[in-house]
PDB file of all heavy atoms in Angstrom:
ATOM      1  N   VAL A   1     293.832  17.851  14.297  1.00  0.00           N
ATOM      2  CA  VAL A   1     294.449  18.077  12.990  1.00  0.00           C
ATOM      3  C   VAL A   1     293.494  18.936  12.173  1.00  0.00           C
ATOM      4  O   VAL A   1     292.386  18.515  11.836  1.00  0.00           O
ATOM      5  CB  VAL A   1     294.746  16.752  12.264  1.00  0.00           C
ATOM      6  CG1 VAL A   1     295.425  17.031  10.921  1.00  0.00           C
ATOM      7  CG2 VAL A   1     295.627  15.853  13.129  1.00  0.00           C
ATOM      8  N   LYS A   2     293.919  20.154  11.876  1.00  0.00           N
ATOM      9  CA  LYS A   2     293.082  21.090  11.132  1.00  0.00           C
ATOM     10  C   LYS A   2     292.979  20.662   9.667  1.00  0.00           C
ATOM     11  O   LYS A   2     293.978  20.318   9.032  1.00  0.00           O
ATOM     12  CB  LYS A   2     293.662  22.505  11.228  1.00  0.00           C
ATOM     13  CG  LYS A   2     293.676  23.075  12.638  1.00  0.00           C
ATOM     14  CD  LYS A   2     292.262  23.290  13.148  1.00  0.00           C
ATOM     15  CE  LYS A   2     292.233  23.958  14.501  1.00  0.00           C
ATOM     16  NZ  LYS A   2     290.845  24.176  14.986  1.00  0.00           N
ATOM     17  N   GLY A   3     291.765  20.705   9.134  1.00  0.00           N
ATOM     18  CA  GLY A   3     291.550  20.417   7.729  1.00  0.00           C
ATOM     19  C   GLY A   3     291.922  19.009   7.311  1.00  0.00           C
ATOM     20  O   GLY A   3     292.294  18.773   6.154  1.00  0.00           O
ATOM     21  N   ALA A   4     291.788  18.061   8.228  1.00  0.00           N
ATOM     22  CA  ALA A   4     292.180  16.676   7.918  1.00  0.00           C
ATOM     23  C   ALA A   4     291.214  15.996   6.957  1.00  0.00           C
ATOM     24  O   ALA A   4     291.597  15.088   6.226  1.00  0.00           O
ATOM     25  CB  ALA A   4     292.292  15.865   9.205  1.00  0.00           C
ATOM     26  N   ALA A   5     289.952  16.409   6.962  1.00  0.00           N
ATOM     27  CA  ALA A   5     288.930  15.785   6.114  1.00  0.00           C
ATOM     28  C   ALA A   5     288.457  16.784   5.069  1.00  0.00           C
ATOM     29  O   ALA A   5     288.271  17.976   5.373  1.00  0.00           O
ATOM     30  CB  ALA A   5     287.756  15.298   6.957  1.00  0.00           C
ATOM     31  N   ALA A   6     288.241  16.322   3.852  1.00  0.00           N
ATOM     32  CA  ALA A   6     287.790  17.193   2.763  1.00  0.00           C
ATOM     33  C   ALA A   6     286.338  17.615   2.980  1.00  0.00           C
ATOM     34  O   ALA A   6     285.554  16.929   3.656  1.00  0.00           O
ATOM     35  CB  ALA A   6     287.935  16.471   1.426  1.00  0.00           C
ATOM     36  N   GLN A   7     285.965  18.747   2.386  1.00  0.00           N
ATOM     37  CA  GLN A   7     284.623  19.291   2.573  1.00  0.00           C
ATOM     38  C   GLN A   7     283.556  18.506   1.815  1.00  0.00           C
ATOM     39  O   GLN A   7     282.422  18.384   2.271  1.00  0.00           O
ATOM     40  CB  GLN A   7     284.596  20.755   2.135  1.00  0.00           C
ATOM     41  CG  GLN A   7     283.305  21.486   2.461  1.00  0.00           C
ATOM     42  CD  GLN A   7     283.041  21.580   3.962  1.00  0.00           C
ATOM     43  OE1 GLN A   7     283.952  21.844   4.745  1.00  0.00           O
ATOM     44  NE2 GLN A   7     281.796  21.352   4.365  1.00  0.00           N
ATOM     45  N   ARG A   8     283.893  17.966   0.645  1.00  0.00           N
ATOM     46  CA  ARG A   8     282.877  17.287  -0.172  1.00  0.00           C
ATOM     47  C   ARG A   8     282.184  16.143   0.565  1.00  0.00           C
ATOM     48  O   ARG A   8     280.937  16.073   0.565  1.00  0.00           O
ATOM     49  CB  ARG A   8     283.495  16.784  -1.483  1.00  0.00           C
ATOM     50  CG  ARG A   8     282.489  16.058  -2.379  1.00  0.00           C
ATOM     51  CD  ARG A   8     283.158  15.401  -3.569  1.00  0.00           C
ATOM     52  NE  ARG A   8     284.201  14.462  -3.176  1.00  0.00           N
ATOM     53  CZ  ARG A   8     283.971  13.218  -2.747  1.00  0.00           C
ATOM     54  NH1 ARG A   8     282.723  12.769  -2.644  1.00  0.00           N
ATOM     55  NH2 ARG A   8     284.965  12.425  -2.407  1.00  0.00           N
ATOM     56  N   PRO A   9     282.925  15.207   1.203  1.00  0.00           N
ATOM     57  CA  PRO A   9     282.219  14.142   1.931  1.00  0.00           C
ATOM     58  C   PRO A   9     281.354  14.675   3.070  1.00  0.00           C
ATOM     59  O   PRO A   9     280.289  14.100   3.362  1.00  0.00           O
ATOM     60  CB  PRO A   9     283.359  13.266   2.463  1.00  0.00           C
ATOM     61  CG  PRO A   9     284.534  13.581   1.605  1.00  0.00           C
ATOM     62  CD  PRO A   9     284.382  15.009   1.220  1.00  0.00           C
ATOM     63  N   ILE A  10     281.779  15.768   3.679  1.00  0.00           N
ATOM     64  CA  ILE A  10     280.982  16.367   4.752  1.00  0.00           C
ATOM     65  C   ILE A  10     279.675  16.917   4.197  1.00  0.00           C
ATOM     66  O   ILE A  10     278.591  16.679   4.756  1.00  0.00           O
ATOM     67  CB  ILE A  10     281.787  17.468   5.473  1.00  0.00           C
ATOM     68  CG1 ILE A  10     282.988  16.858   6.189  1.00  0.00           C
ATOM     69  CG2 ILE A  10     280.906  18.242   6.454  1.00  0.00           C
ATOM     70  CD1 ILE A  10     283.961  17.873   6.752  1.00  0.00           C
ATOM     71  N   ASP A  11     279.767  17.642   3.087  1.00  0.00           N
ATOM     72  CA  ASP A  11     278.557  18.193   2.461  1.00  0.00           C
ATOM     73  C   ASP A  11     277.600  17.075   2.037  1.00  0.00           C
ATOM     74  O   ASP A  11     276.378  17.194   2.210  1.00  0.00           O
ATOM     75  CB  ASP A  11     278.935  19.035   1.246  1.00  0.00           C
ATOM     76  CG  ASP A  11     279.653  20.324   1.620  1.00  0.00           C
ATOM     77  OD1 ASP A  11     279.577  20.728   2.799  1.00  0.00           O
ATOM     78  OD2 ASP A  11     280.314  20.906   0.734  1.00  0.00           O
ATOM     79  N   GLU A  12     278.148  15.999   1.487  1.00  0.00           N
ATOM     80  CA  GLU A  12     277.305  14.884   1.058  1.00  0.00           C
ATOM     81  C   GLU A  12     276.614  14.222   2.249  1.00  0.00           C
ATOM     82  O   GLU A  12     275.430  13.882   2.183  1.00  0.00           O
ATOM     83  CB  GLU A  12     278.139  13.869   0.284  1.00  0.00           C
ATOM     84  CG  GLU A  12     278.603  14.374  -1.075  1.00  0.00           C
ATOM     85  CD  GLU A  12     279.497  13.390  -1.800  1.00  0.00           C
ATOM     86  OE1 GLU A  12     279.898  12.374  -1.180  1.00  0.00           O
ATOM     87  OE2 GLU A  12     279.803  13.622  -2.990  1.00  0.00           O
ATOM     88  N   LEU A  13     277.357  14.046   3.343  1.00  0.00           N
ATOM     89  CA  LEU A  13     276.753  13.432   4.531  1.00  0.00           C
ATOM     90  C   LEU A  13     275.662  14.321   5.107  1.00  0.00           C
ATOM     91  O   LEU A  13     274.570  13.839   5.446  1.00  0.00           O
ATOM     92  CB  LEU A  13     277.830  13.161   5.582  1.00  0.00           C
ATOM     93  CG  LEU A  13     277.312  12.575   6.898  1.00  0.00           C
ATOM     94  CD1 LEU A  13     276.650  11.218   6.677  1.00  0.00           C
ATOM     95  CD2 LEU A  13     278.442  12.449   7.922  1.00  0.00           C
ATOM     96  N   MET A  14     275.912  15.625   5.203  1.00  0.00           N
ATOM     97  CA  MET A  14     274.910  16.511   5.778  1.00  0.00           C
ATOM     98  C   MET A  14     273.686  16.623   4.862  1.00  0.00           C
ATOM     99  O   MET A  14     272.559  16.796   5.348  1.00  0.00           O
ATOM    100  CB  MET A  14     275.514  17.887   6.046  1.00  0.00           C
ATOM    101  CG  MET A  14     276.605  17.866   7.125  1.00  0.00           C
ATOM    102  SD  MET A  14     276.076  17.047   8.657  1.00  0.00           S
ATOM    103  CE  MET A  14     274.785  18.153   9.201  1.00  0.00           C
ATOM    104  N   GLY A  15     273.889  16.512   3.555  1.00  0.00           N
ATOM    105  CA  GLY A  15     272.741  16.458   2.647  1.00  0.00           C
ATOM    106  C   GLY A  15     271.895  15.222   2.904  1.00  0.00           C
ATOM    107  O   GLY A  15     270.655  15.281   2.875  1.00  0.00           O
ATOM    108  N   PHE A  16     272.557  14.097   3.169  1.00  0.00           N
ATOM    109  CA  PHE A  16     271.833  12.869   3.498  1.00  0.00           C
ATOM    110  C   PHE A  16     271.091  13.010   4.826  1.00  0.00           C
ATOM    111  O   PHE A  16     269.937  12.584   4.953  1.00  0.00           O
ATOM    112  CB  PHE A  16     272.799  11.690   3.570  1.00  0.00           C
ATOM    113  CG  PHE A  16     272.197  10.455   4.164  1.00  0.00           C
ATOM    114  CD1 PHE A  16     271.288   9.688   3.444  1.00  0.00           C
ATOM    115  CD2 PHE A  16     272.507  10.070   5.464  1.00  0.00           C
ATOM    116  CE1 PHE A  16     270.701   8.561   4.008  1.00  0.00           C
ATOM    117  CE2 PHE A  16     271.927   8.945   6.032  1.00  0.00           C
ATOM    118  CZ  PHE A  16     271.017   8.184   5.295  1.00  0.00           C
ATOM    119  N   VAL A  17     271.736  13.610   5.826  1.00  0.00           N
ATOM    120  CA  VAL A  17     271.088  13.806   7.127  1.00  0.00           C
ATOM    121  C   VAL A  17     269.824  14.651   6.966  1.00  0.00           C
ATOM    122  O   VAL A  17     268.771  14.336   7.539  1.00  0.00           O
ATOM    123  CB  VAL A  17     272.062  14.458   8.128  1.00  0.00           C
ATOM    124  CG1 VAL A  17     271.346  14.857   9.420  1.00  0.00           C
ATOM    125  CG2 VAL A  17     273.220  13.508   8.445  1.00  0.00           C
ATOM    126  N   ALA A  18     269.908  15.704   6.171  1.00  0.00           N
ATOM    127  CA  ALA A  18     268.722  16.530   5.910  1.00  0.00           C
ATOM    128  C   ALA A  18     267.623  15.702   5.239  1.00  0.00           C
ATOM    129  O   ALA A  18     266.434  15.850   5.555  1.00  0.00           O
ATOM    130  CB  ALA A  18     269.105  17.734   5.046  1.00  0.00           C
ATOM    131  N   HIS A  19     268.009  14.820   4.335  1.00  0.00           N
ATOM    132  CA  HIS A  19     267.047  13.935   3.660  1.00  0.00           C
ATOM    133  C   HIS A  19     266.320  13.051   4.674  1.00  0.00           C
ATOM    134  O   HIS A  19     265.088  12.901   4.619  1.00  0.00           O
ATOM    135  CB  HIS A  19     267.783  13.077   2.633  1.00  0.00           C
ATOM    136  CG  HIS A  19     266.986  11.931   2.095  1.00  0.00           C
ATOM    137  ND1 HIS A  19     265.925  12.088   1.228  1.00  0.00           N
ATOM    138  CD2 HIS A  19     267.097  10.583   2.322  1.00  0.00           C
ATOM    139  CE1 HIS A  19     265.413  10.906   0.944  1.00  0.00           C
ATOM    140  NE2 HIS A  19     266.097   9.974   1.588  1.00  0.00           N
ATOM    141  N   VAL A  20     267.064  12.459   5.620  1.00  0.00           N
ATOM    142  CA  VAL A  20     266.439  11.580   6.621  1.00  0.00           C
ATOM    143  C   VAL A  20     265.499  12.372   7.521  1.00  0.00           C
ATOM    144  O   VAL A  20     264.398  11.903   7.863  1.00  0.00           O
ATOM    145  CB  VAL A  20     267.526  10.859   7.448  1.00  0.00           C
ATOM    146  CG1 VAL A  20     266.892  10.037   8.572  1.00  0.00           C
ATOM    147  CG2 VAL A  20     268.369   9.959   6.558  1.00  0.00           C
ATOM    148  N   ILE A  21     265.907  13.578   7.916  1.00  0.00           N
ATOM    149  CA  ILE A  21     265.028  14.407   8.752  1.00  0.00           C
ATOM    150  C   ILE A  21     263.740  14.740   7.987  1.00  0.00           C
ATOM    151  O   ILE A  21     262.645  14.723   8.557  1.00  0.00           O
ATOM    152  CB  ILE A  21     265.755  15.693   9.187  1.00  0.00           C
ATOM    153  CG1 ILE A  21     266.952  15.345  10.073  1.00  0.00           C
ATOM    154  CG2 ILE A  21     264.801  16.623   9.947  1.00  0.00           C
ATOM    155  CD1 ILE A  21     267.868  16.517  10.374  1.00  0.00           C
ATOM    156  N   ARG A  22     263.857  15.004   6.688  1.00  0.00           N
ATOM    157  CA  ARG A  22     262.657  15.287   5.881  1.00  0.00           C
ATOM    158  C   ARG A  22     261.739  14.068   5.799  1.00  0.00           C
ATOM    159  O   ARG A  22     260.504  14.206   5.795  1.00  0.00           O
ATOM    160  CB  ARG A  22     263.051  15.723   4.478  1.00  0.00           C
ATOM    161  CG  ARG A  22     263.606  17.134   4.392  1.00  0.00           C
ATOM    162  CD  ARG A  22     263.709  17.600   2.943  1.00  0.00           C
ATOM    163  NE  ARG A  22     264.234  18.953   2.883  1.00  0.00           N
ATOM    164  CZ  ARG A  22     265.530  19.241   2.712  1.00  0.00           C
ATOM    165  NH1 ARG A  22     266.405  18.249   2.565  1.00  0.00           N
ATOM    166  NH2 ARG A  22     265.936  20.493   2.674  1.00  0.00           N
ATOM    167  N   LEU A  23     262.323  12.873   5.701  1.00  0.00           N
ATOM    168  CA  LEU A  23     261.497  11.666   5.648  1.00  0.00           C
ATOM    169  C   LEU A  23     260.590  11.573   6.871  1.00  0.00           C
ATOM    170  O   LEU A  23     259.447  11.093   6.774  1.00  0.00           O
ATOM    171  CB  LEU A  23     262.384  10.421   5.578  1.00  0.00           C
ATOM    172  CG  LEU A  23     263.147  10.166   4.280  1.00  0.00           C
ATOM    173  CD1 LEU A  23     264.014   8.913   4.420  1.00  0.00           C
ATOM    174  CD2 LEU A  23     262.192  10.020   3.095  1.00  0.00           C
ATOM    175  N   GLU A  24     261.100  12.019   8.016  1.00  0.00           N
ATOM    176  CA  GLU A  24     260.319  11.907   9.260  1.00  0.00           C
ATOM    177  C   GLU A  24     259.472  13.137   9.524  1.00  0.00           C
ATOM    178  O   GLU A  24     258.363  13.025  10.049  1.00  0.00           O
ATOM    179  CB  GLU A  24     261.261  11.655  10.438  1.00  0.00           C
ATOM    180  CG  GLU A  24     260.561  11.393  11.764  1.00  0.00           C
ATOM    181  CD  GLU A  24     259.720  10.122  11.775  1.00  0.00           C
ATOM    182  OE1 GLU A  24     259.775   9.334  10.803  1.00  0.00           O
ATOM    183  OE2 GLU A  24     258.978   9.911  12.753  1.00  0.00           O
ATOM    184  N   SER A  25     259.979  14.318   9.188  1.00  0.00           N
ATOM    185  CA  SER A  25     259.274  15.554   9.528  1.00  0.00           C
ATOM    186  C   SER A  25     258.275  15.991   8.467  1.00  0.00           C
ATOM    187  O   SER A  25     257.324  16.721   8.773  1.00  0.00           O
ATOM    188  CB  SER A  25     260.286  16.687   9.734  1.00  0.00           C
ATOM    189  OG  SER A  25     260.927  17.019   8.512  1.00  0.00           O
ATOM    190  N   GLY A  26     258.507  15.593   7.221  1.00  0.00           N
ATOM    191  CA  GLY A  26     257.667  16.065   6.135  1.00  0.00           C
ATOM    192  C   GLY A  26     257.991  17.481   5.689  1.00  0.00           C
ATOM    193  O   GLY A  26     257.303  18.044   4.831  1.00  0.00           O
ATOM    194  N   SER A  27     259.057  18.061   6.230  1.00  0.00           N
ATOM    195  CA  SER A  27     259.401  19.441   5.915  1.00  0.00           C
ATOM    196  C   SER A  27     259.906  19.570   4.478  1.00  0.00           C
ATOM    197  O   SER A  27     260.591  18.682   3.958  1.00  0.00           O
ATOM    198  CB  SER A  27     260.486  19.942   6.873  1.00  0.00           C
ATOM    199  OG  SER A  27     260.911  21.239   6.508  1.00  0.00           O
ATOM    200  N   ILE A  28     259.564  20.701   3.851  1.00  0.00           N
ATOM    201  CA  ILE A  28     260.083  21.017   2.520  1.00  0.00           C
ATOM    202  C   ILE A  28     260.962  22.271   2.589  1.00  0.00           C
ATOM    203  O   ILE A  28     261.274  22.873   1.558  1.00  0.00           O
ATOM    204  CB  ILE A  28     258.946  21.207   1.499  1.00  0.00           C
ATOM    205  CG1 ILE A  28     257.989  22.318   1.947  1.00  0.00           C
ATOM    206  CG2 ILE A  28     258.199  19.895   1.290  1.00  0.00           C
ATOM    207  CD1 ILE A  28     256.943  22.693   0.910  1.00  0.00           C
ATOM    208  N   GLU A  29     261.363  22.648   3.786  1.00  0.00           N
ATOM    209  CA  GLU A  29     262.189  23.845   3.958  1.00  0.00           C
ATOM    210  C   GLU A  29     263.627  23.568   3.523  1.00  0.00           C
ATOM    211  O   GLU A  29     264.040  22.415   3.344  1.00  0.00           O
ATOM    212  CB  GLU A  29     262.147  24.285   5.424  1.00  0.00           C
ATOM    213  CG  GLU A  29     260.775  24.717   5.894  1.00  0.00           C
ATOM    214  CD  GLU A  29     260.788  25.249   7.313  1.00  0.00           C
ATOM    215  OE1 GLU A  29     261.453  26.273   7.551  1.00  0.00           O
ATOM    216  OE2 GLU A  29     260.152  24.619   8.186  1.00  0.00           O
ATOM    217  N   PRO A  30     264.436  24.629   3.362  1.00  0.00           N
ATOM    218  CA  PRO A  30     265.839  24.455   2.971  1.00  0.00           C
ATOM    219  C   PRO A  30     266.626  23.675   4.022  1.00  0.00           C
ATOM    220  O   PRO A  30     266.218  23.574   5.189  1.00  0.00           O
ATOM    221  CB  PRO A  30     266.356  25.896   2.853  1.00  0.00           C
ATOM    222  CG  PRO A  30     265.130  26.727   2.648  1.00  0.00           C
ATOM    223  CD  PRO A  30     264.037  26.036   3.403  1.00  0.00           C
ATOM    224  N   ASP A  31     267.769  23.133   3.601  1.00  0.00           N
ATOM    225  CA  ASP A  31     268.594  22.298   4.487  1.00  0.00           C
ATOM    226  C   ASP A  31     268.920  22.990   5.807  1.00  0.00           C
ATOM    227  O   ASP A  31     268.884  22.367   6.868  1.00  0.00           O
ATOM    228  CB  ASP A  31     269.899  21.909   3.788  1.00  0.00           C
ATOM    229  CG  ASP A  31     269.702  20.793   2.778  1.00  0.00           C
ATOM    230  OD1 ASP A  31     268.545  20.393   2.547  1.00  0.00           O
ATOM    231  OD2 ASP A  31     270.715  20.315   2.221  1.00  0.00           O
ATOM    232  N   GLU A  32     269.280  24.271   5.756  1.00  0.00           N
ATOM    233  CA  GLU A  32     269.678  24.985   6.978  1.00  0.00           C
ATOM    234  C   GLU A  32     268.579  24.928   8.029  1.00  0.00           C
ATOM    235  O   GLU A  32     268.830  24.683   9.209  1.00  0.00           O
ATOM    236  CB  GLU A  32     270.031  26.433   6.644  1.00  0.00           C
ATOM    237  CG  GLU A  32     270.450  27.282   7.834  1.00  0.00           C
ATOM    238  CD  GLU A  32     271.777  26.875   8.443  1.00  0.00           C
ATOM    239  OE1 GLU A  32     272.572  26.190   7.755  1.00  0.00           O
ATOM    240  OE2 GLU A  32     272.025  27.234   9.615  1.00  0.00           O
ATOM    241  N   ALA A  33     267.346  25.142   7.617  1.00  0.00           N
ATOM    242  CA  ALA A  33     266.224  25.085   8.555  1.00  0.00           C
ATOM    243  C   ALA A  33     265.965  23.656   9.012  1.00  0.00           C
ATOM    244  O   ALA A  33     265.710  23.398  10.197  1.00  0.00           O
ATOM    245  CB  ALA A  33     264.968  25.668   7.911  1.00  0.00           C
ATOM    246  N   VAL A  34     266.044  22.704   8.083  1.00  0.00           N
ATOM    247  CA  VAL A  34     265.773  21.305   8.414  1.00  0.00           C
ATOM    248  C   VAL A  34     266.792  20.780   9.421  1.00  0.00           C
ATOM    249  O   VAL A  34     266.435  20.083  10.382  1.00  0.00           O
ATOM    250  CB  VAL A  34     265.780  20.443   7.132  1.00  0.00           C
ATOM    251  CG1 VAL A  34     265.773  18.957   7.469  1.00  0.00           C
ATOM    252  CG2 VAL A  34     264.570  20.783   6.267  1.00  0.00           C
ATOM    253  N   LEU A  35     268.057  21.101   9.210  1.00  0.00           N
ATOM    254  CA  LEU A  35     269.124  20.588  10.078  1.00  0.00           C
ATOM    255  C   LEU A  35     269.141  21.239  11.451  1.00  0.00           C
ATOM    256  O   LEU A  35     269.787  20.717  12.366  1.00  0.00           O
ATOM    257  CB  LEU A  35     270.485  20.798   9.402  1.00  0.00           C
ATOM    258  CG  LEU A  35     270.753  19.953   8.162  1.00  0.00           C
ATOM    259  CD1 LEU A  35     271.981  20.463   7.415  1.00  0.00           C
ATOM    260  CD2 LEU A  35     270.927  18.484   8.537  1.00  0.00           C
ATOM    261  N   ASN A  36     268.433  22.337  11.599  1.00  0.00           N
ATOM    262  CA  ASN A  36     268.440  23.040  12.876  1.00  0.00           C
ATOM    263  C   ASN A  36     267.023  23.139  13.458  1.00  0.00           C
ATOM    264  O   ASN A  36     266.606  22.272  14.204  1.00  0.00           O
ATOM    265  CB  ASN A  36     269.093  24.418  12.702  1.00  0.00           C
ATOM    266  CG  ASN A  36     270.593  24.296  12.437  1.00  0.00           C
ATOM    267  OD1 ASN A  36     271.369  24.036  13.350  1.00  0.00           O
ATOM    268  ND2 ASN A  36     271.009  24.472  11.185  1.00  0.00           N
ATOM    269  N   ARG A  37     266.267  24.144  13.095  1.00  0.00           N
ATOM    270  CA  ARG A  37     264.980  24.372  13.741  1.00  0.00           C
ATOM    271  C   ARG A  37     264.021  23.204  13.594  1.00  0.00           C
ATOM    272  O   ARG A  37     263.353  22.803  14.566  1.00  0.00           O
ATOM    273  CB  ARG A  37     264.333  25.653  13.192  1.00  0.00           C
ATOM    274  CG  ARG A  37     262.965  25.953  13.816  1.00  0.00           C
ATOM    275  CD  ARG A  37     262.366  27.217  13.237  1.00  0.00           C
ATOM    276  NE  ARG A  37     262.400  27.246  11.786  1.00  0.00           N
ATOM    277  CZ  ARG A  37     261.544  26.561  11.014  1.00  0.00           C
ATOM    278  NH1 ARG A  37     260.617  25.773  11.559  1.00  0.00           N
ATOM    279  NH2 ARG A  37     261.615  26.654   9.694  1.00  0.00           N
ATOM    280  N   VAL A  38     263.932  22.620  12.402  1.00  0.00           N
ATOM    281  CA  VAL A  38     262.983  21.516  12.184  1.00  0.00           C
ATOM    282  C   VAL A  38     263.340  20.327  13.073  1.00  0.00           C
ATOM    283  O   VAL A  38     262.461  19.727  13.703  1.00  0.00           O
ATOM    284  CB  VAL A  38     262.958  21.111  10.696  1.00  0.00           C
ATOM    285  CG1 VAL A  38     262.152  19.827  10.506  1.00  0.00           C
ATOM    286  CG2 VAL A  38     262.360  22.234   9.852  1.00  0.00           C
ATOM    287  N   LEU A  39     264.632  19.975  13.135  1.00  0.00           N
ATOM    288  CA  LEU A  39     265.030  18.849  13.982  1.00  0.00           C
ATOM    289  C   LEU A  39     264.800  19.156  15.453  1.00  0.00           C
ATOM    290  O   LEU A  39     264.340  18.290  16.216  1.00  0.00           O
ATOM    291  CB  LEU A  39     266.495  18.499  13.742  1.00  0.00           C
ATOM    292  CG  LEU A  39     267.027  17.356  14.610  1.00  0.00           C
ATOM    293  CD1 LEU A  39     266.278  16.047  14.332  1.00  0.00           C
ATOM    294  CD2 LEU A  39     268.525  17.157  14.409  1.00  0.00           C
ATOM    295  N   VAL A  40     265.118  20.369  15.882  1.00  0.00           N
ATOM    296  CA  VAL A  40     264.902  20.749  17.284  1.00  0.00           C
ATOM    297  C   VAL A  40     263.429  20.593  17.652  1.00  0.00           C
ATOM    298  O   VAL A  40     263.077  19.992  18.674  1.00  0.00           O
ATOM    299  CB  VAL A  40     265.374  22.196  17.534  1.00  0.00           C
ATOM    300  CG1 VAL A  40     264.945  22.664  18.924  1.00  0.00           C
ATOM    301  CG2 VAL A  40     266.888  22.292  17.401  1.00  0.00           C
ATOM    302  N   ASP A  41     262.548  21.130  16.817  1.00  0.00           N
ATOM    303  CA  ASP A  41     261.106  21.039  17.102  1.00  0.00           C
ATOM    304  C   ASP A  41     260.641  19.588  17.109  1.00  0.00           C
ATOM    305  O   ASP A  41     259.834  19.185  17.960  1.00  0.00           O
ATOM    306  CB  ASP A  41     260.314  21.835  16.051  1.00  0.00           C
ATOM    307  CG  ASP A  41     260.525  23.340  16.165  1.00  0.00           C
ATOM    308  OD1 ASP A  41     261.046  23.785  17.210  1.00  0.00           O
ATOM    309  OD2 ASP A  41     260.178  24.057  15.205  1.00  0.00           O
ATOM    310  N   LEU A  42     261.152  18.792  16.169  1.00  0.00           N
ATOM    311  CA  LEU A  42     260.732  17.392  16.079  1.00  0.00           C
ATOM    312  C   LEU A  42     261.201  16.598  17.291  1.00  0.00           C
ATOM    313  O   LEU A  42     260.441  15.808  17.861  1.00  0.00           O
ATOM    314  CB  LEU A  42     261.281  16.779  14.798  1.00  0.00           C
ATOM    315  CG  LEU A  42     260.863  15.337  14.489  1.00  0.00           C
ATOM    316  CD1 LEU A  42     259.359  15.268  14.277  1.00  0.00           C
ATOM    317  CD2 LEU A  42     261.602  14.817  13.263  1.00  0.00           C
ATOM    318  N   LYS A  43     262.437  16.809  17.715  1.00  0.00           N
ATOM    319  CA  LYS A  43     262.969  16.062  18.860  1.00  0.00           C
ATOM    320  C   LYS A  43     262.201  16.404  20.136  1.00  0.00           C
ATOM    321  O   LYS A  43     261.961  15.536  20.973  1.00  0.00           O
ATOM    322  CB  LYS A  43     264.451  16.359  19.049  1.00  0.00           C
ATOM    323  CG  LYS A  43     265.112  15.546  20.154  1.00  0.00           C
ATOM    324  CD  LYS A  43     266.610  15.763  20.195  1.00  0.00           C
ATOM    325  CE  LYS A  43     267.271  15.044  21.369  1.00  0.00           C
ATOM    326  NZ  LYS A  43     267.193  13.584  21.262  1.00  0.00           N
TER     327      LYS A  43
END
């Protein structure tokens, strides 16, 4: 089902995910880097 979920809850969840990754990585980079390169390197 296309567009079944609104964007706002998705943005809020991904902001939280970036927050958790920062808690562990110590990164202060923007969300895009934290959610991708920073997590890849950390894992």
